[in-house]
Amino acid sequence: DFFFANIFFSNKQFGFIKGRSTVLQLLQILDDWTLTLDLGIQ
């Protein structure tokens, strides 16, 4: 509660946080990579 209230976690932190599983992180990064590749970016 203290860490969330003081914004000590990045939005990129997924592991060990309720509602932010590592599976969700993998799905998000897959989305990001797909979009990036569709734009022709390495």
PDB file of all heavy atoms in Angstrom:
ATOM      1  N   ASP A   1       0.835  -1.202   0.000  1.00  0.00           N
ATOM      2  CA  ASP A   1       0.000   0.000   0.000  1.00  0.00           C
ATOM      3  C   ASP A   1       0.868   1.250   0.000  1.00  0.00           C
ATOM      4  O   ASP A   1       0.603   2.208  -0.725  1.00  0.00           O
ATOM      5  CB  ASP A   1      -0.939   0.009   1.214  1.00  0.00           C
ATOM      6  CG  ASP A   1      -2.028  -1.047   1.137  1.00  0.00           C
ATOM      7  OD1 ASP A   1      -2.247  -1.604   0.039  1.00  0.00           O
ATOM      8  OD2 ASP A   1      -2.646  -1.327   2.186  1.00  0.00           O
ATOM      9  N   PHE A   2       1.916   1.248   0.825  1.00  0.00           N
ATOM     10  CA  PHE A   2       2.828   2.383   0.909  1.00  0.00           C
ATOM     11  C   PHE A   2       3.523   2.608  -0.435  1.00  0.00           C
ATOM     12  O   PHE A   2       3.612   3.738  -0.925  1.00  0.00           O
ATOM     13  CB  PHE A   2       3.860   2.144   2.016  1.00  0.00           C
ATOM     14  CG  PHE A   2       4.855   3.264   2.177  1.00  0.00           C
ATOM     15  CD1 PHE A   2       4.549   4.360   2.962  1.00  0.00           C
ATOM     16  CD2 PHE A   2       6.086   3.219   1.541  1.00  0.00           C
ATOM     17  CE1 PHE A   2       5.460   5.401   3.110  1.00  0.00           C
ATOM     18  CE2 PHE A   2       7.001   4.247   1.677  1.00  0.00           C
ATOM     19  CZ  PHE A   2       6.682   5.344   2.463  1.00  0.00           C
ATOM     20  N   PHE A   3       4.022   1.542  -1.045  1.00  0.00           N
ATOM     21  CA  PHE A   3       4.734   1.657  -2.316  1.00  0.00           C
ATOM     22  C   PHE A   3       3.813   2.140  -3.442  1.00  0.00           C
ATOM     23  O   PHE A   3       4.214   2.946  -4.272  1.00  0.00           O
ATOM     24  CB  PHE A   3       5.392   0.336  -2.697  1.00  0.00           C
ATOM     25  CG  PHE A   3       6.664   0.041  -1.950  1.00  0.00           C
ATOM     26  CD1 PHE A   3       7.122   0.854  -0.920  1.00  0.00           C
ATOM     27  CD2 PHE A   3       7.410  -1.062  -2.271  1.00  0.00           C
ATOM     28  CE1 PHE A   3       8.297   0.584  -0.245  1.00  0.00           C
ATOM     29  CE2 PHE A   3       8.602  -1.356  -1.603  1.00  0.00           C
ATOM     30  CZ  PHE A   3       9.038  -0.522  -0.594  1.00  0.00           C
ATOM     31  N   PHE A   4       2.579   1.647  -3.477  1.00  0.00           N
ATOM     32  CA  PHE A   4       1.634   2.106  -4.500  1.00  0.00           C
ATOM     33  C   PHE A   4       1.262   3.574  -4.275  1.00  0.00           C
ATOM     34  O   PHE A   4       1.197   4.353  -5.222  1.00  0.00           O
ATOM     35  CB  PHE A   4       0.368   1.245  -4.524  1.00  0.00           C
ATOM     36  CG  PHE A   4       0.517  -0.021  -5.314  1.00  0.00           C
ATOM     37  CD1 PHE A   4       0.380  -1.261  -4.701  1.00  0.00           C
ATOM     38  CD2 PHE A   4       0.790   0.018  -6.673  1.00  0.00           C
ATOM     39  CE1 PHE A   4       0.520  -2.426  -5.429  1.00  0.00           C
ATOM     40  CE2 PHE A   4       0.925  -1.152  -7.407  1.00  0.00           C
ATOM     41  CZ  PHE A   4       0.795  -2.371  -6.776  1.00  0.00           C
ATOM     42  N   ALA A   5       1.011   3.945  -3.012  1.00  0.00           N
ATOM     43  CA  ALA A   5       0.636   5.323  -2.698  1.00  0.00           C
ATOM     44  C   ALA A   5       1.741   6.308  -3.062  1.00  0.00           C
ATOM     45  O   ALA A   5       1.470   7.454  -3.440  1.00  0.00           O
ATOM     46  CB  ALA A   5       0.301   5.450  -1.209  1.00  0.00           C
ATOM     47  N   ASN A   6       2.992   5.870  -2.969  1.00  0.00           N
ATOM     48  CA  ASN A   6       4.132   6.749  -3.264  1.00  0.00           C
ATOM     49  C   ASN A   6       4.717   6.513  -4.657  1.00  0.00           C
ATOM     50  O   ASN A   6       5.810   6.981  -4.973  1.00  0.00           O
ATOM     51  CB  ASN A   6       5.205   6.572  -2.200  1.00  0.00           C
ATOM     52  CG  ASN A   6       4.764   7.165  -0.881  1.00  0.00           C
ATOM     53  OD1 ASN A   6       4.817   8.369  -0.700  1.00  0.00           O
ATOM     54  ND2 ASN A   6       4.288   6.323   0.028  1.00  0.00           N
ATOM     55  N   ILE A   7       3.989   5.764  -5.484  1.00  0.00           N
ATOM     56  CA  ILE A   7       4.351   5.496  -6.878  1.00  0.00           C
ATOM     57  C   ILE A   7       5.785   4.967  -7.004  1.00  0.00           C
ATOM     58  O   ILE A   7       6.601   5.486  -7.760  1.00  0.00           O
ATOM     59  CB  ILE A   7       4.135   6.748  -7.764  1.00  0.00           C
ATOM     60  CG1 ILE A   7       2.756   7.358  -7.484  1.00  0.00           C
ATOM     61  CG2 ILE A   7       4.236   6.375  -9.243  1.00  0.00           C
ATOM     62  CD1 ILE A   7       2.544   8.716  -8.111  1.00  0.00           C
ATOM     63  N   PHE A   8       6.103   3.928  -6.221  1.00  0.00           N
ATOM     64  CA  PHE A   8       7.423   3.302  -6.286  1.00  0.00           C
ATOM     65  C   PHE A   8       7.496   2.203  -7.337  1.00  0.00           C
ATOM     66  O   PHE A   8       8.565   1.698  -7.614  1.00  0.00           O
ATOM     67  CB  PHE A   8       7.820   2.717  -4.930  1.00  0.00           C
ATOM     68  CG  PHE A   8       8.231   3.750  -3.919  1.00  0.00           C
ATOM     69  CD1 PHE A   8       8.170   3.469  -2.570  1.00  0.00           C
ATOM     70  CD2 PHE A   8       8.698   4.994  -4.293  1.00  0.00           C
ATOM     71  CE1 PHE A   8       8.566   4.403  -1.630  1.00  0.00           C
ATOM     72  CE2 PHE A   8       9.086   5.936  -3.368  1.00  0.00           C
ATOM     73  CZ  PHE A   8       9.012   5.638  -2.028  1.00  0.00           C
ATOM     74  N   PHE A   9       6.354   1.812  -7.905  1.00  0.00           N
ATOM     75  CA  PHE A   9       6.349   0.770  -8.916  1.00  0.00           C
ATOM     76  C   PHE A   9       6.154   1.382 -10.295  1.00  0.00           C
ATOM     77  O   PHE A   9       5.305   2.238 -10.485  1.00  0.00           O
ATOM     78  CB  PHE A   9       5.222  -0.242  -8.680  1.00  0.00           C
ATOM     79  CG  PHE A   9       5.422  -1.117  -7.488  1.00  0.00           C
ATOM     80  CD1 PHE A   9       4.524  -1.097  -6.442  1.00  0.00           C
ATOM     81  CD2 PHE A   9       6.507  -1.977  -7.412  1.00  0.00           C
ATOM     82  CE1 PHE A   9       4.708  -1.916  -5.345  1.00  0.00           C
ATOM     83  CE2 PHE A   9       6.697  -2.792  -6.322  1.00  0.00           C
ATOM     84  CZ  PHE A   9       5.791  -2.764  -5.283  1.00  0.00           C
ATOM     85  N   SER A  10       6.933   0.905 -11.237  1.00  0.00           N
ATOM     86  CA  SER A  10       6.775   1.296 -12.634  1.00  0.00           C
ATOM     87  C   SER A  10       5.559   0.574 -13.205  1.00  0.00           C
ATOM     88  O   SER A  10       5.195  -0.513 -12.738  1.00  0.00           O
ATOM     89  CB  SER A  10       8.034   0.882 -13.402  1.00  0.00           C
ATOM     90  OG  SER A  10       7.787   0.822 -14.779  1.00  0.00           O
ATOM     91  N   ASN A  11       4.968   1.160 -14.224  1.00  0.00           N
ATOM     92  CA  ASN A  11       3.869   0.475 -14.923  1.00  0.00           C
ATOM     93  C   ASN A  11       4.370  -0.771 -15.637  1.00  0.00           C
ATOM     94  O   ASN A  11       3.587  -1.589 -16.075  1.00  0.00           O
ATOM     95  CB  ASN A  11       3.204   1.424 -15.924  1.00  0.00           C
ATOM     96  CG  ASN A  11       2.371   2.468 -15.236  1.00  0.00           C
ATOM     97  OD1 ASN A  11       1.898   2.274 -14.124  1.00  0.00           O
ATOM     98  ND2 ASN A  11       2.195   3.594 -15.884  1.00  0.00           N
ATOM     99  N   LYS A  12       5.672  -0.903 -15.753  1.00  0.00           N
ATOM    100  CA  LYS A  12       6.271  -2.066 -16.402  1.00  0.00           C
ATOM    101  C   LYS A  12       6.526  -3.207 -15.416  1.00  0.00           C
ATOM    102  O   LYS A  12       6.978  -4.274 -15.809  1.00  0.00           O
ATOM    103  CB  LYS A  12       7.565  -1.660 -17.105  1.00  0.00           C
ATOM    104  CG  LYS A  12       7.330  -0.646 -18.214  1.00  0.00           C
ATOM    105  CD  LYS A  12       8.610  -0.277 -18.897  1.00  0.00           C
ATOM    106  CE  LYS A  12       8.511   0.834 -19.878  1.00  0.00           C
ATOM    107  NZ  LYS A  12       7.383   0.960 -20.710  1.00  0.00           N
ATOM    108  N   GLN A  13       6.266  -2.987 -14.124  1.00  0.00           N
ATOM    109  CA  GLN A  13       6.440  -4.033 -13.105  1.00  0.00           C
ATOM    110  C   GLN A  13       5.210  -4.926 -13.100  1.00  0.00           C
ATOM    111  O   GLN A  13       4.106  -4.453 -12.873  1.00  0.00           O
ATOM    112  CB  GLN A  13       6.632  -3.397 -11.723  1.00  0.00           C
ATOM    113  CG  GLN A  13       6.579  -4.376 -10.572  1.00  0.00           C
ATOM    114  CD  GLN A  13       7.769  -5.307 -10.522  1.00  0.00           C
ATOM    115  OE1 GLN A  13       8.870  -4.910 -10.861  1.00  0.00           O
ATOM    116  NE2 GLN A  13       7.549  -6.525 -10.112  1.00  0.00           N
ATOM    117  N   PHE A  14       5.408  -6.208 -13.363  1.00  0.00           N
ATOM    118  CA  PHE A  14       4.276  -7.132 -13.408  1.00  0.00           C
ATOM    119  C   PHE A  14       4.377  -8.222 -12.351  1.00  0.00           C
ATOM    120  O   PHE A  14       3.396  -8.547 -11.706  1.00  0.00           O
ATOM    121  CB  PHE A  14       4.155  -7.775 -14.799  1.00  0.00           C
ATOM    122  CG  PHE A  14       3.501  -6.877 -15.801  1.00  0.00           C
ATOM    123  CD1 PHE A  14       4.240  -5.902 -16.444  1.00  0.00           C
ATOM    124  CD2 PHE A  14       2.160  -7.003 -16.088  1.00  0.00           C
ATOM    125  CE1 PHE A  14       3.649  -5.065 -17.373  1.00  0.00           C
ATOM    126  CE2 PHE A  14       1.555  -6.166 -17.023  1.00  0.00           C
ATOM    127  CZ  PHE A  14       2.305  -5.196 -17.665  1.00  0.00           C
ATOM    128  N   GLY A  15       5.538  -8.823 -12.184  1.00  0.00           N
ATOM    129  CA  GLY A  15       5.674  -9.934 -11.253  1.00  0.00           C
ATOM    130  C   GLY A  15       5.391  -9.532  -9.822  1.00  0.00           C
ATOM    131  O   GLY A  15       5.753  -8.437  -9.387  1.00  0.00           O
ATOM    132  N   PHE A  16       4.714 -10.385  -9.108  1.00  0.00           N
ATOM    133  CA  PHE A  16       4.451 -10.251  -7.679  1.00  0.00           C
ATOM    134  C   PHE A  16       3.478  -9.128  -7.322  1.00  0.00           C
ATOM    135  O   PHE A  16       3.406  -8.709  -6.184  1.00  0.00           O
ATOM    136  CB  PHE A  16       5.750 -10.072  -6.881  1.00  0.00           C
ATOM    137  CG  PHE A  16       6.795 -11.106  -7.204  1.00  0.00           C
ATOM    138  CD1 PHE A  16       7.968 -10.748  -7.827  1.00  0.00           C
ATOM    139  CD2 PHE A  16       6.588 -12.439  -6.906  1.00  0.00           C
ATOM    140  CE1 PHE A  16       8.935 -11.699  -8.137  1.00  0.00           C
ATOM    141  CE2 PHE A  16       7.539 -13.394  -7.203  1.00  0.00           C
ATOM    142  CZ  PHE A  16       8.715 -13.019  -7.823  1.00  0.00           C
ATOM    143  N   ILE A  17       2.758  -8.608  -8.305  1.00  0.00           N
ATOM    144  CA  ILE A  17       1.776  -7.563  -8.029  1.00  0.00           C
ATOM    145  C   ILE A  17       0.403  -8.078  -8.428  1.00  0.00           C
ATOM    146  O   ILE A  17       0.204  -8.547  -9.563  1.00  0.00           O
ATOM    147  CB  ILE A  17       2.112  -6.263  -8.790  1.00  0.00           C
ATOM    148  CG1 ILE A  17       3.428  -5.687  -8.262  1.00  0.00           C
ATOM    149  CG2 ILE A  17       0.990  -5.248  -8.650  1.00  0.00           C
ATOM    150  CD1 ILE A  17       3.864  -4.410  -8.926  1.00  0.00           C
ATOM    151  N   LYS A  18      -0.541  -7.981  -7.509  1.00  0.00           N
ATOM    152  CA  LYS A  18      -1.894  -8.471  -7.737  1.00  0.00           C
ATOM    153  C   LYS A  18      -2.498  -7.814  -8.983  1.00  0.00           C
ATOM    154  O   LYS A  18      -2.442  -6.598  -9.137  1.00  0.00           O
ATOM    155  CB  LYS A  18      -2.766  -8.174  -6.518  1.00  0.00           C
ATOM    156  CG  LYS A  18      -4.117  -8.832  -6.550  1.00  0.00           C
ATOM    157  CD  LYS A  18      -4.865  -8.613  -5.252  1.00  0.00           C
ATOM    158  CE  LYS A  18      -6.143  -9.393  -5.265  1.00  0.00           C
ATOM    159  NZ  LYS A  18      -6.818  -9.343  -3.978  1.00  0.00           N
ATOM    160  N   GLY A  19      -3.040  -8.647  -9.873  1.00  0.00           N
ATOM    161  CA  GLY A  19      -3.664  -8.145 -11.086  1.00  0.00           C
ATOM    162  C   GLY A  19      -2.690  -7.882 -12.223  1.00  0.00           C
ATOM    163  O   GLY A  19      -3.098  -7.461 -13.293  1.00  0.00           O
ATOM    164  N   ARG A  20      -1.391  -8.102 -11.982  1.00  0.00           N
ATOM    165  CA  ARG A  20      -0.377  -7.877 -13.021  1.00  0.00           C
ATOM    166  C   ARG A  20       0.517  -9.108 -13.114  1.00  0.00           C
ATOM    167  O   ARG A  20       1.641  -9.106 -12.648  1.00  0.00           O
ATOM    168  CB  ARG A  20       0.495  -6.669 -12.693  1.00  0.00           C
ATOM    169  CG  ARG A  20      -0.212  -5.350 -12.702  1.00  0.00           C
ATOM    170  CD  ARG A  20       0.848  -4.274 -12.690  1.00  0.00           C
ATOM    171  NE  ARG A  20       0.362  -3.041 -12.126  1.00  0.00           N
ATOM    172  CZ  ARG A  20       1.128  -2.012 -11.871  1.00  0.00           C
ATOM    173  NH1 ARG A  20       2.421  -2.067 -12.096  1.00  0.00           N
ATOM    174  NH2 ARG A  20       0.633  -0.916 -11.377  1.00  0.00           N
ATOM    175  N   SER A  21       0.027 -10.148 -13.703  1.00  0.00           N
ATOM    176  CA  SER A  21       0.783 -11.396 -13.781  1.00  0.00           C
ATOM    177  C   SER A  21       1.855 -11.330 -14.859  1.00  0.00           C
ATOM    178  O   SER A  21       1.813 -10.480 -15.752  1.00  0.00           O
ATOM    179  CB  SER A  21      -0.156 -12.565 -14.084  1.00  0.00           C
ATOM    180  OG  SER A  21      -0.631 -12.455 -15.413  1.00  0.00           O
ATOM    181  N   THR A  22       2.787 -12.239 -14.773  1.00  0.00           N
ATOM    182  CA  THR A  22       3.820 -12.307 -15.803  1.00  0.00           C
ATOM    183  C   THR A  22       3.222 -12.757 -17.135  1.00  0.00           C
ATOM    184  O   THR A  22       3.730 -12.390 -18.187  1.00  0.00           O
ATOM    185  CB  THR A  22       4.968 -13.242 -15.376  1.00  0.00           C
ATOM    186  OG1 THR A  22       4.426 -14.508 -14.983  1.00  0.00           O
ATOM    187  CG2 THR A  22       5.743 -12.649 -14.216  1.00  0.00           C
ATOM    188  N   VAL A  23       2.134 -13.512 -17.096  1.00  0.00           N
ATOM    189  CA  VAL A  23       1.447 -13.897 -18.344  1.00  0.00           C
ATOM    190  C   VAL A  23       0.870 -12.645 -19.010  1.00  0.00           C
ATOM    191  O   VAL A  23       0.986 -12.457 -20.226  1.00  0.00           O
ATOM    192  CB  VAL A  23       0.335 -14.935 -18.071  1.00  0.00           C
ATOM    193  CG1 VAL A  23      -0.506 -15.174 -19.311  1.00  0.00           C
ATOM    194  CG2 VAL A  23       0.927 -16.239 -17.561  1.00  0.00           C
ATOM    195  N   LEU A  24       0.272 -11.763 -18.217  1.00  0.00           N
ATOM    196  CA  LEU A  24      -0.253 -10.504 -18.750  1.00  0.00           C
ATOM    197  C   LEU A  24       0.881  -9.675 -19.361  1.00  0.00           C
ATOM    198  O   LEU A  24       0.730  -9.070 -20.421  1.00  0.00           O
ATOM    199  CB  LEU A  24      -0.963  -9.711 -17.663  1.00  0.00           C
ATOM    200  CG  LEU A  24      -1.603  -8.398 -18.080  1.00  0.00           C
ATOM    201  CD1 LEU A  24      -2.656  -8.620 -19.153  1.00  0.00           C
ATOM    202  CD2 LEU A  24      -2.215  -7.699 -16.867  1.00  0.00           C
ATOM    203  N   GLN A  25       2.043  -9.691 -18.714  1.00  0.00           N
ATOM    204  CA  GLN A  25       3.195  -8.964 -19.247  1.00  0.00           C
ATOM    205  C   GLN A  25       3.614  -9.536 -20.607  1.00  0.00           C
ATOM    206  O   GLN A  25       3.898  -8.789 -21.540  1.00  0.00           O
ATOM    207  CB  GLN A  25       4.366  -9.020 -18.276  1.00  0.00           C
ATOM    208  CG  GLN A  25       5.571  -8.235 -18.766  1.00  0.00           C
ATOM    209  CD  GLN A  25       6.730  -8.311 -17.816  1.00  0.00           C
ATOM    210  OE1 GLN A  25       6.904  -9.296 -17.100  1.00  0.00           O
ATOM    211  NE2 GLN A  25       7.546  -7.272 -17.807  1.00  0.00           N
ATOM    212  N   LEU A  26       3.646 -10.860 -20.707  1.00  0.00           N
ATOM    213  CA  LEU A  26       4.006 -11.490 -21.983  1.00  0.00           C
ATOM    214  C   LEU A  26       3.011 -11.124 -23.086  1.00  0.00           C
ATOM    215  O   LEU A  26       3.401 -10.864 -24.223  1.00  0.00           O
ATOM    216  CB  LEU A  26       4.086 -13.007 -21.820  1.00  0.00           C
ATOM    217  CG  LEU A  26       5.281 -13.526 -21.035  1.00  0.00           C
ATOM    218  CD1 LEU A  26       5.124 -15.020 -20.753  1.00  0.00           C
ATOM    219  CD2 LEU A  26       6.583 -13.242 -21.762  1.00  0.00           C
ATOM    220  N   LEU A  27       1.730 -11.103 -22.761  1.00  0.00           N
ATOM    221  CA  LEU A  27       0.721 -10.723 -23.754  1.00  0.00           C
ATOM    222  C   LEU A  27       0.897  -9.267 -24.183  1.00  0.00           C
ATOM    223  O   LEU A  27       0.790  -8.941 -25.370  1.00  0.00           O
ATOM    224  CB  LEU A  27      -0.681 -10.944 -23.191  1.00  0.00           C
ATOM    225  CG  LEU A  27      -1.096 -12.403 -23.017  1.00  0.00           C
ATOM    226  CD1 LEU A  27      -2.419 -12.494 -22.256  1.00  0.00           C
ATOM    227  CD2 LEU A  27      -1.182 -13.110 -24.352  1.00  0.00           C
ATOM    228  N   GLN A  28       1.204  -8.401 -23.218  1.00  0.00           N
ATOM    229  CA  GLN A  28       1.397  -6.985 -23.542  1.00  0.00           C
ATOM    230  C   GLN A  28       2.628  -6.791 -24.422  1.00  0.00           C
ATOM    231  O   GLN A  28       2.587  -6.054 -25.410  1.00  0.00           O
ATOM    232  CB  GLN A  28       1.530  -6.155 -22.275  1.00  0.00           C
ATOM    233  CG  GLN A  28       1.684  -4.673 -22.569  1.00  0.00           C
ATOM    234  CD  GLN A  28       1.708  -3.815 -21.331  1.00  0.00           C
ATOM    235  OE1 GLN A  28       1.108  -4.143 -20.327  1.00  0.00           O
ATOM    236  NE2 GLN A  28       2.410  -2.701 -21.396  1.00  0.00           N
ATOM    237  N   ILE A  29       3.726  -7.448 -24.096  1.00  0.00           N
ATOM    238  CA  ILE A  29       4.949  -7.292 -24.882  1.00  0.00           C
ATOM    239  C   ILE A  29       4.767  -7.887 -26.283  1.00  0.00           C
ATOM    240  O   ILE A  29       5.265  -7.349 -27.266  1.00  0.00           O
ATOM    241  CB  ILE A  29       6.182  -7.868 -24.159  1.00  0.00           C
ATOM    242  CG1 ILE A  29       7.481  -7.297 -24.754  1.00  0.00           C
ATOM    243  CG2 ILE A  29       6.246  -9.362 -24.212  1.00  0.00           C
ATOM    244  CD1 ILE A  29       7.718  -5.874 -24.479  1.00  0.00           C
ATOM    245  N   LEU A  30       4.005  -8.975 -26.387  1.00  0.00           N
ATOM    246  CA  LEU A  30       3.709  -9.552 -27.700  1.00  0.00           C
ATOM    247  C   LEU A  30       2.925  -8.551 -28.555  1.00  0.00           C
ATOM    248  O   LEU A  30       3.213  -8.375 -29.746  1.00  0.00           O
ATOM    249  CB  LEU A  30       2.932 -10.862 -27.547  1.00  0.00           C
ATOM    250  CG  LEU A  30       2.602 -11.593 -28.833  1.00  0.00           C
ATOM    251  CD1 LEU A  30       3.864 -12.011 -29.579  1.00  0.00           C
ATOM    252  CD2 LEU A  30       1.736 -12.808 -28.544  1.00  0.00           C
ATOM    253  N   ASP A  31       1.959  -7.878 -27.943  1.00  0.00           N
ATOM    254  CA  ASP A  31       1.208  -6.832 -28.638  1.00  0.00           C
ATOM    255  C   ASP A  31       2.138  -5.714 -29.117  1.00  0.00           C
ATOM    256  O   ASP A  31       2.068  -5.275 -30.265  1.00  0.00           O
ATOM    257  CB  ASP A  31       0.155  -6.219 -27.704  1.00  0.00           C
ATOM    258  CG  ASP A  31      -1.234  -6.717 -27.970  1.00  0.00           C
ATOM    259  OD1 ASP A  31      -1.418  -7.534 -28.885  1.00  0.00           O
ATOM    260  OD2 ASP A  31      -2.147  -6.270 -27.243  1.00  0.00           O
ATOM    261  N   ASP A  32       3.007  -5.256 -28.211  1.00  0.00           N
ATOM    262  CA  ASP A  32       3.948  -4.169 -28.546  1.00  0.00           C
ATOM    263  C   ASP A  32       4.868  -4.581 -29.692  1.00  0.00           C
ATOM    264  O   ASP A  32       5.116  -3.809 -30.619  1.00  0.00           O
ATOM    265  CB  ASP A  32       4.786  -3.780 -27.320  1.00  0.00           C
ATOM    266  CG  ASP A  32       3.969  -3.120 -26.218  1.00  0.00           C
ATOM    267  OD1 ASP A  32       2.811  -2.732 -26.469  1.00  0.00           O
ATOM    268  OD2 ASP A  32       4.498  -3.003 -25.093  1.00  0.00           O
ATOM    269  N   TRP A  33       5.409  -5.798 -29.612  1.00  0.00           N
ATOM    270  CA  TRP A  33       6.331  -6.268 -30.650  1.00  0.00           C
ATOM    271  C   TRP A  33       5.616  -6.425 -31.995  1.00  0.00           C
ATOM    272  O   TRP A  33       6.177  -6.099 -33.032  1.00  0.00           O
ATOM    273  CB  TRP A  33       6.983  -7.581 -30.241  1.00  0.00           C
ATOM    274  CG  TRP A  33       7.997  -7.439 -29.152  1.00  0.00           C
ATOM    275  CD1 TRP A  33       8.515  -6.284 -28.644  1.00  0.00           C
ATOM    276  CD2 TRP A  33       8.615  -8.498 -28.433  1.00  0.00           C
ATOM    277  NE1 TRP A  33       9.415  -6.556 -27.647  1.00  0.00           N
ATOM    278  CE2 TRP A  33       9.507  -7.911 -27.500  1.00  0.00           C
ATOM    279  CE3 TRP A  33       8.512  -9.869 -28.466  1.00  0.00           C
ATOM    280  CZ2 TRP A  33      10.277  -8.660 -26.633  1.00  0.00           C
ATOM    281  CZ3 TRP A  33       9.278 -10.625 -27.598  1.00  0.00           C
ATOM    282  CH2 TRP A  33      10.162 -10.021 -26.691  1.00  0.00           C
ATOM    283  N   THR A  34       4.403  -6.938 -31.960  1.00  0.00           N
ATOM    284  CA  THR A  34       3.640  -7.115 -33.205  1.00  0.00           C
ATOM    285  C   THR A  34       3.405  -5.765 -33.871  1.00  0.00           C
ATOM    286  O   THR A  34       3.606  -5.615 -35.083  1.00  0.00           O
ATOM    287  CB  THR A  34       2.297  -7.822 -32.918  1.00  0.00           C
ATOM    288  OG1 THR A  34       2.559  -9.087 -32.302  1.00  0.00           O
ATOM    289  CG2 THR A  34       1.497  -8.030 -34.190  1.00  0.00           C
ATOM    290  N   LEU A  35       2.987  -4.774 -33.106  1.00  0.00           N
ATOM    291  CA  LEU A  35       2.768  -3.432 -33.644  1.00  0.00           C
ATOM    292  C   LEU A  35       4.065  -2.860 -34.212  1.00  0.00           C
ATOM    293  O   LEU A  35       4.090  -2.313 -35.321  1.00  0.00           O
ATOM    294  CB  LEU A  35       2.211  -2.504 -32.558  1.00  0.00           C
ATOM    295  CG  LEU A  35       2.023  -1.044 -32.960  1.00  0.00           C
ATOM    296  CD1 LEU A  35       0.998  -0.911 -34.086  1.00  0.00           C
ATOM    297  CD2 LEU A  35       1.616  -0.209 -31.754  1.00  0.00           C
ATOM    298  N   THR A  36       5.156  -3.012 -33.463  1.00  0.00           N
ATOM    299  CA  THR A  36       6.458  -2.496 -33.896  1.00  0.00           C
ATOM    300  C   THR A  36       6.900  -3.147 -35.204  1.00  0.00           C
ATOM    301  O   THR A  36       7.343  -2.461 -36.132  1.00  0.00           O
ATOM    302  CB  THR A  36       7.513  -2.721 -32.793  1.00  0.00           C
ATOM    303  OG1 THR A  36       7.072  -2.055 -31.606  1.00  0.00           O
ATOM    304  CG2 THR A  36       8.862  -2.176 -33.190  1.00  0.00           C
ATOM    305  N   LEU A  37       6.775  -4.466 -35.287  1.00  0.00           N
ATOM    306  CA  LEU A  37       7.160  -5.174 -36.505  1.00  0.00           C
ATOM    307  C   LEU A  37       6.267  -4.782 -37.682  1.00  0.00           C
ATOM    308  O   LEU A  37       6.737  -4.645 -38.811  1.00  0.00           O
ATOM    309  CB  LEU A  37       7.127  -6.684 -36.280  1.00  0.00           C
ATOM    310  CG  LEU A  37       8.224  -7.238 -35.369  1.00  0.00           C
ATOM    311  CD1 LEU A  37       7.971  -8.705 -35.054  1.00  0.00           C
ATOM    312  CD2 LEU A  37       9.599  -7.039 -35.985  1.00  0.00           C
ATOM    313  N   ASP A  38       4.964  -4.593 -37.419  1.00  0.00           N
ATOM    314  CA  ASP A  38       4.045  -4.154 -38.474  1.00  0.00           C
ATOM    315  C   ASP A  38       4.440  -2.794 -39.031  1.00  0.00           C
ATOM    316  O   ASP A  38       4.196  -2.495 -40.196  1.00  0.00           O
ATOM    317  CB  ASP A  38       2.603  -4.093 -37.962  1.00  0.00           C
ATOM    318  CG  ASP A  38       1.972  -5.468 -37.797  1.00  0.00           C
ATOM    319  OD1 ASP A  38       2.550  -6.454 -38.305  1.00  0.00           O
ATOM    320  OD2 ASP A  38       0.909  -5.554 -37.151  1.00  0.00           O
ATOM    321  N   LEU A  39       5.079  -1.969 -38.203  1.00  0.00           N
ATOM    322  CA  LEU A  39       5.536  -0.646 -38.641  1.00  0.00           C
ATOM    323  C   LEU A  39       6.905  -0.710 -39.316  1.00  0.00           C
ATOM    324  O   LEU A  39       7.455   0.313 -39.724  1.00  0.00           O
ATOM    325  CB  LEU A  39       5.586   0.319 -37.448  1.00  0.00           C
ATOM    326  CG  LEU A  39       4.244   0.659 -36.808  1.00  0.00           C
ATOM    327  CD1 LEU A  39       4.443   1.468 -35.533  1.00  0.00           C
ATOM    328  CD2 LEU A  39       3.356   1.423 -37.792  1.00  0.00           C
ATOM    329  N   GLY A  40       7.469  -1.923 -39.402  1.00  0.00           N
ATOM    330  CA  GLY A  40       8.758  -2.102 -40.058  1.00  0.00           C
ATOM    331  C   GLY A  40       9.947  -1.705 -39.203  1.00  0.00           C
ATOM    332  O   GLY A  40      11.032  -1.442 -39.714  1.00  0.00           O
ATOM    333  N   ILE A  41       9.752  -1.650 -37.903  1.00  0.00           N
ATOM    334  CA  ILE A  41      10.821  -1.250 -36.984  1.00  0.00           C
ATOM    335  C   ILE A  41      11.487  -2.495 -36.406  1.00  0.00           C
ATOM    336  O   ILE A  41      10.810  -3.469 -36.047  1.00  0.00           O
ATOM    337  CB  ILE A  41      10.259  -0.368 -35.847  1.00  0.00           C
ATOM    338  CG1 ILE A  41       9.597   0.893 -36.440  1.00  0.00           C
ATOM    339  CG2 ILE A  41      11.357   0.006 -34.857  1.00  0.00           C
ATOM    340  CD1 ILE A  41       8.821   1.712 -35.429  1.00  0.00           C
ATOM    341  N   GLN A  42      12.808  -2.447 -36.332  1.00  0.00           N
ATOM    342  CA  GLN A  42      13.588  -3.568 -35.775  1.00  0.00           C
ATOM    343  C   GLN A  42      13.390  -3.647 -34.264  1.00  0.00           C
ATOM    344  O   GLN A  42      13.246  -2.630 -33.578  1.00  0.00           O
ATOM    345  CB  GLN A  42      15.074  -3.344 -36.075  1.00  0.00           C
ATOM    346  CG  GLN A  42      15.973  -4.392 -35.467  1.00  0.00           C
ATOM    347  CD  GLN A  42      17.440  -4.127 -35.781  1.00  0.00           C
ATOM    348  OE1 GLN A  42      17.758  -3.639 -36.854  1.00  0.00           O
ATOM    349  NE2 GLN A  42      18.302  -4.445 -34.844  1.00  0.00           N
TER     350      GLN A  42
END
